[in-house]
Amino acid sequence: MKNSINKVIGLCIFIFTANAGAADYWKGTLMEFPDPTTIPKVTTSCVSNATANYPCPSWKYPGKTCTAKSCNGWATKTEALRVKVIFKASGPDSAEQAIKDTVTGYVAGCGALAMTSAKAAASATPSPEPTARIAAGWVAAEASFYGCITAFSASGVAGSIVKQVKLKMLKPTHWARL
């Protein structure tokens, strides 16, 4: 009887955590660099104009003058596409704040460990190519993050949520001035 009650409780916990929304528990930036495969955007605009009046008579207005405007000062703006490498840990959202705080504490500690090992692996990679450094950092971060998460032996709902946390790599881009 007690064993079947534990199975029902475990099933309820699984359904609750599986149907819950996703929550972001931790986020850290590994590096940011200009994308070497994208040509920079170059835009120019006029910042200063010169005007001149000149005669432009017509049969109706013989003394008429016209104004000519020409740009005599240009500004050039160059922007490069920048890539930011972000590691994000997300998992099920818990309804109870105490459980969420516990999970956030576990994940923040594991995230800090993962970021430290990722930065160490990225800086130890001899290649100057950013993609090689990102790959080395990702492998090290993933290994240390999941090793840290599985080391926690939390019981109950917090333990089941911690085991469902996943680490993702995001690479958002934005244009920035050189």
Protein backbone atom coordinates (compact mmCIF):
# COMPACT_ATOMS: atom_id res chain seq x y z
CA MET A 1 0.00 0.00 0.00
CA LYS A 2 2.76 2.45 0.98
CA ASN A 3 4.75 1.57 -2.14
CA SER A 4 1.77 2.30 -4.41
CA ILE A 5 1.18 5.64 -2.66
CA ASN A 6 4.83 6.59 -3.27
CA LYS A 7 4.42 5.67 -6.96
CA VAL A 8 1.32 7.86 -7.22
CA ILE A 9 3.10 10.76 -5.49
CA GLY A 10 6.10 10.31 -7.79
CA LEU A 11 3.81 10.26 -10.83
CA CYS A 12 2.06 13.43 -9.63
CA ILE A 13 5.43 15.14 -9.15
CA PHE A 14 6.53 14.03 -12.63
CA ILE A 15 3.30 15.31 -14.23
CA PHE A 16 3.54 18.58 -12.32
CA THR A 17 7.12 19.20 -13.37
CA ALA A 18 6.62 17.98 -16.95
CA ASN A 19 3.63 20.25 -17.55
CA ALA A 20 5.11 23.29 -15.86
CA GLY A 21 6.46 26.14 -17.95
CA ALA A 22 10.14 26.63 -18.60
CA ALA A 23 12.20 28.79 -16.25
CA ASP A 24 15.65 30.26 -16.72
CA TYR A 25 17.76 29.53 -13.68
CA TRP A 26 21.16 30.85 -14.73
CA LYS A 27 22.82 32.65 -17.64
CA GLY A 28 26.49 33.44 -18.29
CA THR A 29 28.46 34.98 -21.17
CA LEU A 30 31.52 33.13 -22.45
CA MET A 31 32.75 35.64 -25.06
CA GLU A 32 31.74 38.21 -27.66
CA PHE A 33 33.53 38.61 -31.00
CA PRO A 34 32.99 40.10 -34.48
CA ASP A 35 31.65 37.57 -37.00
CA PRO A 36 34.52 36.91 -39.43
CA THR A 37 32.20 35.69 -42.22
CA THR A 38 29.96 38.77 -42.43
CA ILE A 39 30.98 41.93 -44.29
CA PRO A 40 30.68 45.07 -42.13
CA LYS A 41 27.81 47.49 -42.81
CA VAL A 42 29.04 50.89 -43.99
CA THR A 43 26.64 53.84 -44.15
CA THR A 44 27.36 57.45 -45.03
CA SER A 45 25.32 60.53 -44.29
CA CYS A 46 25.66 64.24 -44.86
CA VAL A 47 26.53 66.22 -41.73
CA SER A 48 27.16 69.66 -43.28
CA ASN A 49 25.62 71.43 -46.29
CA ALA A 50 26.83 74.33 -48.40
CA THR A 51 24.27 76.59 -50.04
CA ALA A 52 24.69 79.07 -52.86
CA ASN A 53 22.30 81.51 -54.51
CA TYR A 54 22.49 81.89 -58.28
CA PRO A 55 20.38 83.70 -60.81
CA CYS A 56 17.73 81.63 -62.53
CA PRO A 57 15.58 84.12 -64.45
CA SER A 58 12.42 83.15 -66.26
CA TRP A 59 10.13 85.12 -68.61
CA LYS A 60 7.69 85.73 -65.75
CA TYR A 61 10.34 86.57 -63.07
CA PRO A 62 13.47 88.01 -64.67
CA GLY A 63 15.21 88.80 -61.34
CA LYS A 64 14.59 85.42 -59.70
CA THR A 65 17.41 83.66 -57.76
CA CYS A 66 17.54 80.00 -56.91
CA THR A 67 19.34 78.21 -54.07
CA ALA A 68 21.61 75.24 -54.63
CA LYS A 69 22.45 72.92 -51.79
CA SER A 70 25.37 70.52 -51.77
CA CYS A 71 26.88 68.32 -49.10
CA ASN A 72 30.37 69.32 -48.07
CA GLY A 73 30.79 67.11 -44.98
CA TRP A 74 30.25 63.37 -44.84
CA ALA A 75 30.12 60.99 -41.88
CA THR A 76 30.82 57.31 -42.35
CA LYS A 77 29.54 54.77 -39.85
CA THR A 78 30.95 51.23 -39.92
CA GLU A 79 29.24 48.45 -37.99
CA ALA A 80 30.31 44.84 -37.56
CA LEU A 81 28.04 41.92 -36.81
CA ARG A 82 28.98 40.75 -33.30
CA VAL A 83 28.28 37.30 -31.91
CA LYS A 84 27.76 36.77 -28.19
CA VAL A 85 28.14 33.24 -26.82
CA ILE A 86 25.81 32.69 -23.86
CA PHE A 87 25.28 29.56 -21.77
CA LYS A 88 21.80 29.29 -20.26
CA ALA A 89 20.44 26.72 -17.82
CA SER A 90 16.69 26.25 -17.95
CA GLY A 91 14.22 23.72 -16.68
CA PRO A 92 10.72 23.32 -15.38
CA ASP A 93 9.11 26.17 -13.50
CA SER A 94 8.02 25.32 -9.98
CA ALA A 95 4.91 26.73 -8.36
CA GLU A 96 6.52 26.89 -4.93
CA GLN A 97 9.02 29.70 -4.41
CA ALA A 98 11.09 27.76 -1.84
CA ILE A 99 11.67 24.93 -4.32
CA LYS A 100 12.50 27.38 -7.09
CA ASP A 101 15.00 29.19 -4.81
CA THR A 102 16.66 25.86 -3.95
CA VAL A 103 16.94 24.84 -7.60
CA THR A 104 18.22 28.32 -8.54
CA GLY A 105 20.94 28.03 -5.89
CA TYR A 106 22.05 24.61 -7.17
CA VAL A 107 22.05 25.74 -10.79
CA ALA A 108 23.86 29.03 -10.07
CA GLY A 109 26.69 27.17 -8.35
CA CYS A 110 26.96 24.64 -11.17
CA GLY A 111 26.72 27.44 -13.74
CA ALA A 112 29.59 29.33 -12.17
CA LEU A 113 31.67 26.14 -12.17
CA ALA A 114 30.75 25.50 -15.82
CA MET A 115 31.64 29.05 -16.88
CA THR A 116 35.00 28.87 -15.09
CA SER A 117 35.90 25.61 -16.80
CA ALA A 118 34.63 26.92 -20.17
CA LYS A 119 36.75 30.06 -19.97
CA ALA A 120 39.78 28.03 -18.91
CA ALA A 121 39.31 25.60 -21.82
CA ALA A 122 38.68 28.42 -24.31
CA SER A 123 41.79 30.32 -23.24
CA ALA A 124 43.91 27.13 -23.26
CA THR A 125 42.91 26.35 -26.87
CA PRO A 126 45.89 27.31 -29.08
CA SER A 127 43.75 28.18 -32.13
CA PRO A 128 43.05 31.89 -32.73
CA GLU A 129 39.75 30.91 -34.41
CA PRO A 130 36.72 31.78 -32.19
CA THR A 131 34.78 28.67 -33.24
CA ALA A 132 37.53 26.35 -31.94
CA ARG A 133 37.57 28.20 -28.62
CA ILE A 134 33.77 28.08 -28.38
CA ALA A 135 33.73 24.34 -29.07
CA ALA A 136 36.36 23.67 -26.41
CA GLY A 137 34.54 25.90 -23.94
CA TRP A 138 31.18 24.23 -24.66
CA VAL A 139 32.55 20.71 -24.14
CA ALA A 140 34.17 21.70 -20.84
CA ALA A 141 31.10 23.62 -19.64
CA GLU A 142 28.69 20.84 -20.50
CA ALA A 143 30.80 18.19 -18.78
CA SER A 144 31.32 20.19 -15.59
CA PHE A 145 27.70 21.44 -15.46
CA TYR A 146 26.09 18.02 -15.78
CA GLY A 147 28.69 16.48 -13.48
CA CYS A 148 27.85 19.08 -10.87
CA ILE A 149 24.07 18.74 -11.31
CA THR A 150 24.13 14.95 -10.97
CA ALA A 151 26.31 15.23 -7.86
CA PHE A 152 23.45 16.83 -5.95
CA SER A 153 21.43 14.26 -4.09
CA ALA A 154 18.48 16.49 -3.26
CA SER A 155 15.36 14.62 -2.36
CA GLY A 156 11.76 15.29 -3.16
CA VAL A 157 10.46 17.76 -5.70
CA ALA A 158 13.66 19.87 -5.75
CA GLY A 159 15.72 16.81 -6.67
CA SER A 160 13.41 15.87 -9.53
CA ILE A 161 13.50 19.43 -10.88
CA VAL A 162 17.30 19.71 -10.62
CA LYS A 163 17.66 16.54 -12.70
CA GLN A 164 15.54 18.12 -15.48
CA VAL A 165 17.65 21.27 -15.85
CA LYS A 166 19.32 21.50 -19.27
CA LEU A 167 22.28 23.61 -20.40
CA LYS A 168 21.95 25.41 -23.75
CA MET A 169 24.30 27.51 -25.83
CA LEU A 170 22.80 30.67 -27.37
CA LYS A 171 24.53 32.79 -30.00
CA PRO A 172 22.59 36.02 -30.41
CA THR A 173 23.98 38.58 -32.85
CA HIS A 174 23.80 42.37 -33.03
CA TRP A 175 25.35 45.16 -35.07
CA ALA A 176 27.82 47.35 -33.18
CA ARG A 177 30.09 50.21 -34.22
CA LEU A 178 33.73 49.45 -34.83
